[in-house]
C-alpha cells in the first residue's frame, strides 16, 4: 500500500504529505464535514418534499400542513445558519 501511495504521489508531483496537524489537512476535514452535513440536509429536504407529494396525492394535504410548515421552517433556519 505504501508503495502504491508513493507511486501516486510521484505521478501527481506531491512532495509533502499532509499530516493531521497541518492546515491543509484541517481544512480538508472541515470541507468533508460540511459536505456530509449538506448531503444530510439535501436528503431531509427531499424527504419533506416527498412526504408533501404523498399527502397531496392522497388528498390529505391539509392533514400535514402544520407539520409540513414546521418542518419547512426548521429546514430553512438550519440551511440559513450554515450560510
PDB file of N, CA and C in Angstrom:
ATOM      1  N   UNK A   1       0.828  -1.193   0.000  1.00  0.00           N
ATOM      2  CA  UNK A   1       0.000   0.000   0.000  1.00  0.00           C
ATOM      3  C   UNK A   1       0.872   1.258   0.000  1.00  0.00           C
ATOM      4  N   UNK A   2       1.904   1.256   0.809  1.00  0.00           N
ATOM      5  CA  UNK A   2       2.784   2.419   0.881  1.00  0.00           C
ATOM      6  C   UNK A   2       3.483   2.650  -0.457  1.00  0.00           C
ATOM      7  N   UNK A   3       3.821   1.570  -1.128  1.00  0.00           N
ATOM      8  CA  UNK A   3       4.457   1.688  -2.442  1.00  0.00           C
ATOM      9  C   UNK A   3       3.490   2.300  -3.454  1.00  0.00           C
ATOM     10  N   UNK A   4       2.222   1.886  -3.391  1.00  0.00           N
ATOM     11  CA  UNK A   4       1.203   2.454  -4.283  1.00  0.00           C
ATOM     12  C   UNK A   4       1.038   3.949  -4.022  1.00  0.00           C
ATOM     13  N   UNK A   5       1.000   4.323  -2.761  1.00  0.00           N
ATOM     14  CA  UNK A   5       0.859   5.736  -2.402  1.00  0.00           C
ATOM     15  C   UNK A   5       2.056   6.528  -2.922  1.00  0.00           C
ATOM     16  N   UNK A   6       3.239   5.972  -2.779  1.00  0.00           N
ATOM     17  CA  UNK A   6       4.447   6.654  -3.256  1.00  0.00           C
ATOM     18  C   UNK A   6       4.399   6.871  -4.762  1.00  0.00           C
ATOM     19  N   UNK A   7       3.950   5.854  -5.492  1.00  0.00           N
ATOM     20  CA  UNK A   7       3.869   5.974  -6.954  1.00  0.00           C
ATOM     21  C   UNK A   7       2.856   7.045  -7.367  1.00  0.00           C
ATOM     22  N   UNK A   8       1.728   7.075  -6.691  1.00  0.00           N
ATOM     23  CA  UNK A   8       0.708   8.084  -6.997  1.00  0.00           C
ATOM     24  C   UNK A   8       1.234   9.480  -6.669  1.00  0.00           C
ATOM     25  N   UNK A   9       1.919   9.597  -5.536  1.00  0.00           N
ATOM     26  CA  UNK A   9       2.485  10.892  -5.159  1.00  0.00           C
ATOM     27  C   UNK A   9       3.505  11.360  -6.189  1.00  0.00           C
ATOM     28  N   UNK A  10       4.311  10.454  -6.682  1.00  0.00           N
ATOM     29  CA  UNK A  10       5.285  10.818  -7.719  1.00  0.00           C
ATOM     30  C   UNK A  10       4.571  11.254  -8.994  1.00  0.00           C
ATOM     31  N   UNK A  11       3.553  10.511  -9.371  1.00  0.00           N
ATOM     32  CA  UNK A  11       2.823  10.827 -10.601  1.00  0.00           C
ATOM     33  C   UNK A  11       2.141  12.193 -10.515  1.00  0.00           C
ATOM     34  N   UNK A  12       1.613  12.507  -9.343  1.00  0.00           N
ATOM     35  CA  UNK A  12       0.920  13.783  -9.149  1.00  0.00           C
ATOM     36  C   UNK A  12       1.852  14.893  -8.669  1.00  0.00           C
ATOM     37  N   UNK A  13       3.125  14.566  -8.562  1.00  0.00           N
ATOM     38  CA  UNK A  13       4.148  15.519  -8.119  1.00  0.00           C
ATOM     39  C   UNK A  13       3.835  16.099  -6.740  1.00  0.00           C
ATOM     40  N   UNK A  14       3.438  15.217  -5.828  1.00  0.00           N
ATOM     41  CA  UNK A  14       3.177  15.609  -4.449  1.00  0.00           C
ATOM     42  C   UNK A  14       4.473  15.438  -3.675  1.00  0.00           C
ATOM     43  N   UNK A  15       4.964  16.524  -3.127  1.00  0.00           N
ATOM     44  CA  UNK A  15       6.247  16.476  -2.435  1.00  0.00           C
ATOM     45  C   UNK A  15       6.086  16.234  -0.935  1.00  0.00           C
ATOM     46  N   UNK A  16       5.040  16.801  -0.343  1.00  0.00           N
ATOM     47  CA  UNK A  16       4.861  16.690   1.108  1.00  0.00           C
ATOM     48  C   UNK A  16       3.464  16.136   1.392  1.00  0.00           C
ATOM     49  N   UNK A  17       3.419  15.086   2.206  1.00  0.00           N
ATOM     50  CA  UNK A  17       2.127  14.539   2.624  1.00  0.00           C
ATOM     51  C   UNK A  17       1.521  15.428   3.706  1.00  0.00           C
ATOM     52  N   UNK A  18       0.203  15.522   3.661  1.00  0.00           N
ATOM     53  CA  UNK A  18      -0.481  16.256   4.716  1.00  0.00           C
ATOM     54  C   UNK A  18      -0.441  15.425   5.985  1.00  0.00           C
ATOM     55  N   UNK A  19      -0.136  16.066   7.079  1.00  0.00           N
ATOM     56  CA  UNK A  19      -0.145  15.437   8.388  1.00  0.00           C
ATOM     57  C   UNK A  19      -1.401  15.907   9.123  1.00  0.00           C
ATOM     58  N   UNK A  20      -1.896  15.123  10.074  1.00  0.00           N
ATOM     59  CA  UNK A  20      -3.122  15.521  10.792  1.00  0.00           C
ATOM     60  C   UNK A  20      -3.064  16.915  11.407  1.00  0.00           C
ATOM     61  N   UNK A  21      -1.903  17.414  11.727  1.00  0.00           N
ATOM     62  CA  UNK A  21      -1.804  18.748  12.321  1.00  0.00           C
ATOM     63  C   UNK A  21      -1.646  19.866  11.313  1.00  0.00           C
ATOM     64  N   UNK A  22      -1.465  19.532  10.046  1.00  0.00           N
ATOM     65  CA  UNK A  22      -1.220  20.569   9.045  1.00  0.00           C
ATOM     66  C   UNK A  22      -2.494  21.339   8.708  1.00  0.00           C
ATOM     67  N   UNK A  23      -2.359  22.598   8.327  1.00  0.00           N
ATOM     68  CA  UNK A  23      -3.537  23.411   7.975  1.00  0.00           C
ATOM     69  C   UNK A  23      -4.323  22.821   6.803  1.00  0.00           C
ATOM     70  N   UNK A  24      -3.617  22.269   5.829  1.00  0.00           N
ATOM     71  CA  UNK A  24      -4.301  21.672   4.669  1.00  0.00           C
ATOM     72  C   UNK A  24      -5.174  20.502   5.100  1.00  0.00           C
ATOM     73  N   UNK A  25      -4.648  19.694   5.984  1.00  0.00           N
ATOM     74  CA  UNK A  25      -5.386  18.532   6.488  1.00  0.00           C
ATOM     75  C   UNK A  25      -6.626  18.991   7.254  1.00  0.00           C
ATOM     76  N   UNK A  26      -6.455  19.979   8.121  1.00  0.00           N
ATOM     77  CA  UNK A  26      -7.567  20.505   8.906  1.00  0.00           C
ATOM     78  C   UNK A  26      -8.647  21.123   8.010  1.00  0.00           C
ATOM     79  N   UNK A  27      -8.229  21.864   6.977  1.00  0.00           N
ATOM     80  CA  UNK A  27      -9.190  22.452   6.037  1.00  0.00           C
ATOM     81  C   UNK A  27      -9.943  21.372   5.283  1.00  0.00           C
ATOM     82  N   UNK A  28      -9.244  20.304   4.916  1.00  0.00           N
ATOM     83  CA  UNK A  28      -9.897  19.196   4.217  1.00  0.00           C
ATOM     84  C   UNK A  28     -10.928  18.531   5.119  1.00  0.00           C
ATOM     85  N   UNK A  29     -10.612  18.377   6.395  1.00  0.00           N
ATOM     86  CA  UNK A  29     -11.573  17.802   7.342  1.00  0.00           C
ATOM     87  C   UNK A  29     -12.827  18.661   7.452  1.00  0.00           C
ATOM     88  N   UNK A  30     -12.633  19.967   7.508  1.00  0.00           N
ATOM     89  CA  UNK A  30     -13.775  20.884   7.589  1.00  0.00           C
ATOM     90  C   UNK A  30     -14.644  20.755   6.343  1.00  0.00           C
ATOM     91  N   UNK A  31     -14.012  20.716   5.175  1.00  0.00           N
ATOM     92  CA  UNK A  31     -14.766  20.576   3.929  1.00  0.00           C
ATOM     93  C   UNK A  31     -15.538  19.269   3.888  1.00  0.00           C
ATOM     94  N   UNK A  32     -14.932  18.197   4.358  1.00  0.00           N
ATOM     95  CA  UNK A  32     -15.621  16.902   4.373  1.00  0.00           C
ATOM     96  C   UNK A  32     -16.814  16.909   5.319  1.00  0.00           C
ATOM     97  N   UNK A  33     -16.649  17.532   6.483  1.00  0.00           N
ATOM     98  CA  UNK A  33     -17.761  17.620   7.436  1.00  0.00           C
ATOM     99  C   UNK A  33     -18.901  18.457   6.868  1.00  0.00           C
ATOM    100  N   UNK A  34     -18.551  19.573   6.218  1.00  0.00           N
ATOM    101  CA  UNK A  34     -19.585  20.424   5.617  1.00  0.00           C
ATOM    102  C   UNK A  34     -20.316  19.687   4.504  1.00  0.00           C
ATOM    103  N   UNK A  35     -19.572  18.927   3.698  1.00  0.00           N
ATOM    104  CA  UNK A  35     -20.192  18.167   2.621  1.00  0.00           C
ATOM    105  C   UNK A  35     -21.162  17.125   3.179  1.00  0.00           C
ATOM    106  N   UNK A  36     -20.747  16.432   4.219  1.00  0.00           N
ATOM    107  CA  UNK A  36     -21.607  15.428   4.846  1.00  0.00           C
ATOM    108  C   UNK A  36     -22.873  16.085   5.400  1.00  0.00           C
ATOM    109  N   UNK A  37     -22.709  17.241   6.040  1.00  0.00           N
ATOM    110  CA  UNK A  37     -23.850  17.957   6.595  1.00  0.00           C
ATOM    111  C   UNK A  37     -24.805  18.409   5.495  1.00  0.00           C
ATOM    112  N   UNK A  38     -24.266  18.962   4.422  1.00  0.00           N
ATOM    113  CA  UNK A  38     -25.110  19.440   3.324  1.00  0.00           C
ATOM    114  C   UNK A  38     -25.838  18.287   2.631  1.00  0.00           C
ATOM    115  N   UNK A  39     -25.179  17.154   2.510  1.00  0.00           N
ATOM    116  CA  UNK A  39     -25.839  15.992   1.915  1.00  0.00           C
ATOM    117  C   UNK A  39     -26.992  15.523   2.794  1.00  0.00           C
ATOM    118  N   UNK A  40     -26.806  15.547   4.110  1.00  0.00           N
ATOM    119  CA  UNK A  40     -27.880  15.175   5.032  1.00  0.00           C
ATOM    120  C   UNK A  40     -29.029  16.168   4.924  1.00  0.00           C
ATOM    121  N   UNK A  41     -28.692  17.442   4.794  1.00  0.00           N
ATOM    122  CA  UNK A  41     -29.707  18.477   4.639  1.00  0.00           C
ATOM    123  C   UNK A  41     -30.477  18.296   3.333  1.00  0.00           C
ATOM    124  N   UNK A  42     -29.777  17.970   2.255  1.00  0.00           N
ATOM    125  CA  UNK A  42     -30.434  17.703   0.971  1.00  0.00           C
ATOM    126  C   UNK A  42     -31.363  16.506   1.067  1.00  0.00           C
ATOM    127  N   UNK A  43     -30.927  15.483   1.780  1.00  0.00           N
ATOM    128  CA  UNK A  43     -31.761  14.288   1.947  1.00  0.00           C
ATOM    129  C   UNK A  43     -33.022  14.633   2.738  1.00  0.00           C
ATOM    130  N   UNK A  44     -32.862  15.432   3.788  1.00  0.00           N
ATOM    131  CA  UNK A  44     -34.019  15.866   4.576  1.00  0.00           C
ATOM    132  C   UNK A  44     -35.001  16.645   3.712  1.00  0.00           C
ATOM    133  N   UNK A  45     -34.493  17.549   2.903  1.00  0.00           N
ATOM    134  CA  UNK A  45     -35.359  18.329   2.014  1.00  0.00           C
ATOM    135  C   UNK A  45     -36.111  17.416   1.056  1.00  0.00           C
ATOM    136  N   UNK A  46     -35.404  16.452   0.485  1.00  0.00           N
ATOM    137  CA  UNK A  46     -36.027  15.516  -0.447  1.00  0.00           C
ATOM    138  C   UNK A  46     -37.139  14.717   0.243  1.00  0.00           C
ATOM    139  N   UNK A  47     -36.904  14.286   1.483  1.00  0.00           N
ATOM    140  CA  UNK A  47     -37.919  13.533   2.225  1.00  0.00           C
ATOM    141  C   UNK A  47     -39.140  14.389   2.551  1.00  0.00           C
ATOM    142  N   UNK A  48     -38.907  15.658   2.889  1.00  0.00           N
ATOM    143  CA  UNK A  48     -40.027  16.559   3.176  1.00  0.00           C
ATOM    144  C   UNK A  48     -40.883  16.749   1.935  1.00  0.00           C
ATOM    145  N   UNK A  49     -40.246  17.015   0.811  1.00  0.00           N
ATOM    146  CA  UNK A  49     -40.988  17.219  -0.434  1.00  0.00           C
ATOM    147  C   UNK A  49     -41.727  15.938  -0.822  1.00  0.00           C
ATOM    148  N   UNK A  50     -41.070  14.810  -0.665  1.00  0.00           N
ATOM    149  CA  UNK A  50     -41.701  13.528  -0.985  1.00  0.00           C
ATOM    150  C   UNK A  50     -42.952  13.320  -0.129  1.00  0.00           C
ATOM    151  N   UNK A  51     -42.849  13.622   1.147  1.00  0.00           N
ATOM    152  CA  UNK A  51     -43.986  13.465   2.048  1.00  0.00           C
ATOM    153  C   UNK A  51     -45.125  14.398   1.655  1.00  0.00           C
ATOM    154  N   UNK A  52     -44.813  15.627   1.281  1.00  0.00           N
ATOM    155  CA  UNK A  52     -45.851  16.565   0.855  1.00  0.00           C
ATOM    156  C   UNK A  52     -46.563  16.061  -0.397  1.00  0.00           C
ATOM    157  N   UNK A  53     -45.798  15.511  -1.338  1.00  0.00           N
ATOM    158  CA  UNK A  53     -46.425  14.950  -2.544  1.00  0.00           C
ATOM    159  C   UNK A  53     -47.317  13.770  -2.204  1.00  0.00           C
ATOM    160  N   UNK A  54     -46.886  12.935  -1.276  1.00  0.00           N
ATOM    161  CA  UNK A  54     -47.697  11.781  -0.886  1.00  0.00           C
ATOM    162  C   UNK A  54     -49.008  12.229  -0.263  1.00  0.00           C
ATOM    163  N   UNK A  55     -48.940  13.225   0.621  1.00  0.00           N
ATOM    164  CA  UNK A  55     -50.156  13.732   1.255  1.00  0.00           C
ATOM    165  C   UNK A  55     -51.088  14.370   0.232  1.00  0.00           C
ATOM    166  N   UNK A  56     -50.507  15.107  -0.721  1.00  0.00           N
ATOM    167  CA  UNK A  56     -51.317  15.735  -1.766  1.00  0.00           C
ATOM    168  C   UNK A  56     -51.972  14.671  -2.638  1.00  0.00           C
ATOM    169  N   UNK A  57     -51.240  13.644  -2.975  1.00  0.00           N
ATOM    170  CA  UNK A  57     -51.761  12.565  -3.814  1.00  0.00           C
ATOM    171  C   UNK A  57     -52.925  11.851  -3.121  1.00  0.00           C
ATOM    172  N   UNK A  58     -52.869  11.732  -1.813  1.00  0.00           N
ATOM    173  CA  UNK A  58     -53.934  11.084  -1.055  1.00  0.00           C
ATOM    174  C   UNK A  58     -55.084  12.043  -0.741  1.00  0.00           C
ATOM    175  N   UNK A  59     -54.947  13.293  -1.166  1.00  0.00           N
ATOM    176  CA  UNK A  59     -55.982  14.282  -0.879  1.00  0.00           C
ATOM    177  C   UNK A  59     -55.996  14.676   0.582  1.00  0.00           C
ATOM    178  N   UNK A  60     -54.867  14.494   1.239  1.00  0.00           N
ATOM    179  CA  UNK A  60     -54.784  14.770   2.662  1.00  0.00           C
ATOM    180  C   UNK A  60     -53.777  15.874   2.943  1.00  0.00           C
ATOM    181  N   UNK A  61     -53.572  16.748   1.996  1.00  0.00           N
ATOM    182  CA  UNK A  61     -52.534  17.765   2.171  1.00  0.00           C
ATOM    183  C   UNK A  61     -52.787  18.647   3.384  1.00  0.00           C
ATOM    184  N   UNK A  62     -54.067  18.860   3.740  1.00  0.00           N
ATOM    185  CA  UNK A  62     -54.353  19.714   4.894  1.00  0.00           C
ATOM    186  C   UNK A  62     -54.007  19.020   6.203  1.00  0.00           C
ATOM    187  N   UNK A  63     -53.959  17.677   6.193  1.00  0.00           N
ATOM    188  CA  UNK A  63     -53.651  16.930   7.410  1.00  0.00           C
ATOM    189  C   UNK A  63     -52.251  17.250   7.909  1.00  0.00           C
ATOM    190  N   UNK A  64     -51.296  17.319   6.985  1.00  0.00           N
ATOM    191  CA  UNK A  64     -49.918  17.543   7.394  1.00  0.00           C
ATOM    192  C   UNK A  64     -49.449  18.964   7.216  1.00  0.00           C
ATOM    193  N   UNK A  65     -50.374  19.899   7.020  1.00  0.00           N
ATOM    194  CA  UNK A  65     -49.984  21.272   6.729  1.00  0.00           C
ATOM    195  C   UNK A  65     -49.173  21.889   7.860  1.00  0.00           C
ATOM    196  N   UNK A  66     -49.659  21.777   9.095  1.00  0.00           N
ATOM    197  CA  UNK A  66     -48.922  22.403  10.194  1.00  0.00           C
ATOM    198  C   UNK A  66     -47.585  21.719  10.410  1.00  0.00           C
ATOM    199  N   UNK A  67     -47.571  20.399  10.306  1.00  0.00           N
ATOM    200  CA  UNK A  67     -46.318  19.671  10.449  1.00  0.00           C
ATOM    201  C   UNK A  67     -45.371  20.032   9.318  1.00  0.00           C
ATOM    202  N   UNK A  68     -45.888  20.090   8.103  1.00  0.00           N
ATOM    203  CA  UNK A  68     -45.058  20.440   6.942  1.00  0.00           C
ATOM    204  C   UNK A  68     -44.503  21.843   7.075  1.00  0.00           C
ATOM    205  N   UNK A  69     -45.335  22.753   7.560  1.00  0.00           N
ATOM    206  CA  UNK A  69     -44.891  24.134   7.758  1.00  0.00           C
ATOM    207  C   UNK A  69     -43.783  24.191   8.802  1.00  0.00           C
ATOM    208  N   UNK A  70     -43.969  23.455   9.888  1.00  0.00           N
ATOM    209  CA  UNK A  70     -42.938  23.424  10.930  1.00  0.00           C
ATOM    210  C   UNK A  70     -41.634  22.841  10.393  1.00  0.00           C
ATOM    211  N   UNK A  71     -41.732  21.759   9.629  1.00  0.00           N
ATOM    212  CA  UNK A  71     -40.542  21.139   9.051  1.00  0.00           C
ATOM    213  C   UNK A  71     -39.855  22.083   8.067  1.00  0.00           C
ATOM    214  N   UNK A  72     -40.647  22.734   7.236  1.00  0.00           N
ATOM    215  CA  UNK A  72     -40.081  23.664   6.256  1.00  0.00           C
ATOM    216  C   UNK A  72     -39.388  24.831   6.963  1.00  0.00           C
ATOM    217  N   UNK A  73     -40.017  25.346   8.021  1.00  0.00           N
ATOM    218  CA  UNK A  73     -39.410  26.444   8.781  1.00  0.00           C
ATOM    219  C   UNK A  73     -38.096  26.004   9.417  1.00  0.00           C
ATOM    220  N   UNK A  74     -38.105  24.810  10.008  1.00  0.00           N
ATOM    221  CA  UNK A  74     -36.893  24.292  10.639  1.00  0.00           C
ATOM    222  C   UNK A  74     -35.801  24.084   9.604  1.00  0.00           C
ATOM    223  N   UNK A  75     -36.178  23.530   8.459  1.00  0.00           N
ATOM    224  CA  UNK A  75     -35.196  23.313   7.398  1.00  0.00           C
ATOM    225  C   UNK A  75     -34.592  24.645   6.946  1.00  0.00           C
ATOM    226  N   UNK A  76     -35.439  25.648   6.768  1.00  0.00           N
ATOM    227  CA  UNK A  76     -34.975  26.956   6.327  1.00  0.00           C
ATOM    228  C   UNK A  76     -34.010  27.557   7.340  1.00  0.00           C
ATOM    229  N   UNK A  77     -34.343  27.481   8.620  1.00  0.00           N
ATOM    230  CA  UNK A  77     -33.483  28.045   9.663  1.00  0.00           C
ATOM    231  C   UNK A  77     -32.127  27.348   9.680  1.00  0.00           C
ATOM    232  N   UNK A  78     -32.133  26.029   9.560  1.00  0.00           N
ATOM    233  CA  UNK A  78     -30.875  25.279   9.580  1.00  0.00           C
ATOM    234  C   UNK A  78     -30.041  25.624   8.352  1.00  0.00           C
ATOM    235  N   UNK A  79     -30.682  25.690   7.188  1.00  0.00           N
ATOM    236  CA  UNK A  79     -29.916  25.981   5.971  1.00  0.00           C
ATOM    237  C   UNK A  79     -29.363  27.396   5.990  1.00  0.00           C
ATOM    238  N   UNK A  80     -30.076  28.335   6.592  1.00  0.00           N
ATOM    239  CA  UNK A  80     -29.585  29.713   6.699  1.00  0.00           C
ATOM    240  C   UNK A  80     -28.425  29.811   7.681  1.00  0.00           C
ATOM    241  N   UNK A  81     -28.462  28.984   8.706  1.00  0.00           N
ATOM    242  CA  UNK A  81     -27.398  29.008   9.718  1.00  0.00           C
ATOM    243  C   UNK A  81     -26.075  28.551   9.140  1.00  0.00           C
ATOM    244  N   UNK A  82     -26.116  27.734   8.102  1.00  0.00           N
ATOM    245  CA  UNK A  82     -24.876  27.218   7.517  1.00  0.00           C
ATOM    246  C   UNK A  82     -24.281  28.193   6.507  1.00  0.00           C
ATOM    247  N   UNK A  83     -25.021  29.198   6.115  1.00  0.00           N
ATOM    248  CA  UNK A  83     -24.516  30.158   5.115  1.00  0.00           C
ATOM    249  C   UNK A  83     -23.901  31.328   5.740  1.00  0.00           C
TER     250      UNK A  83
END
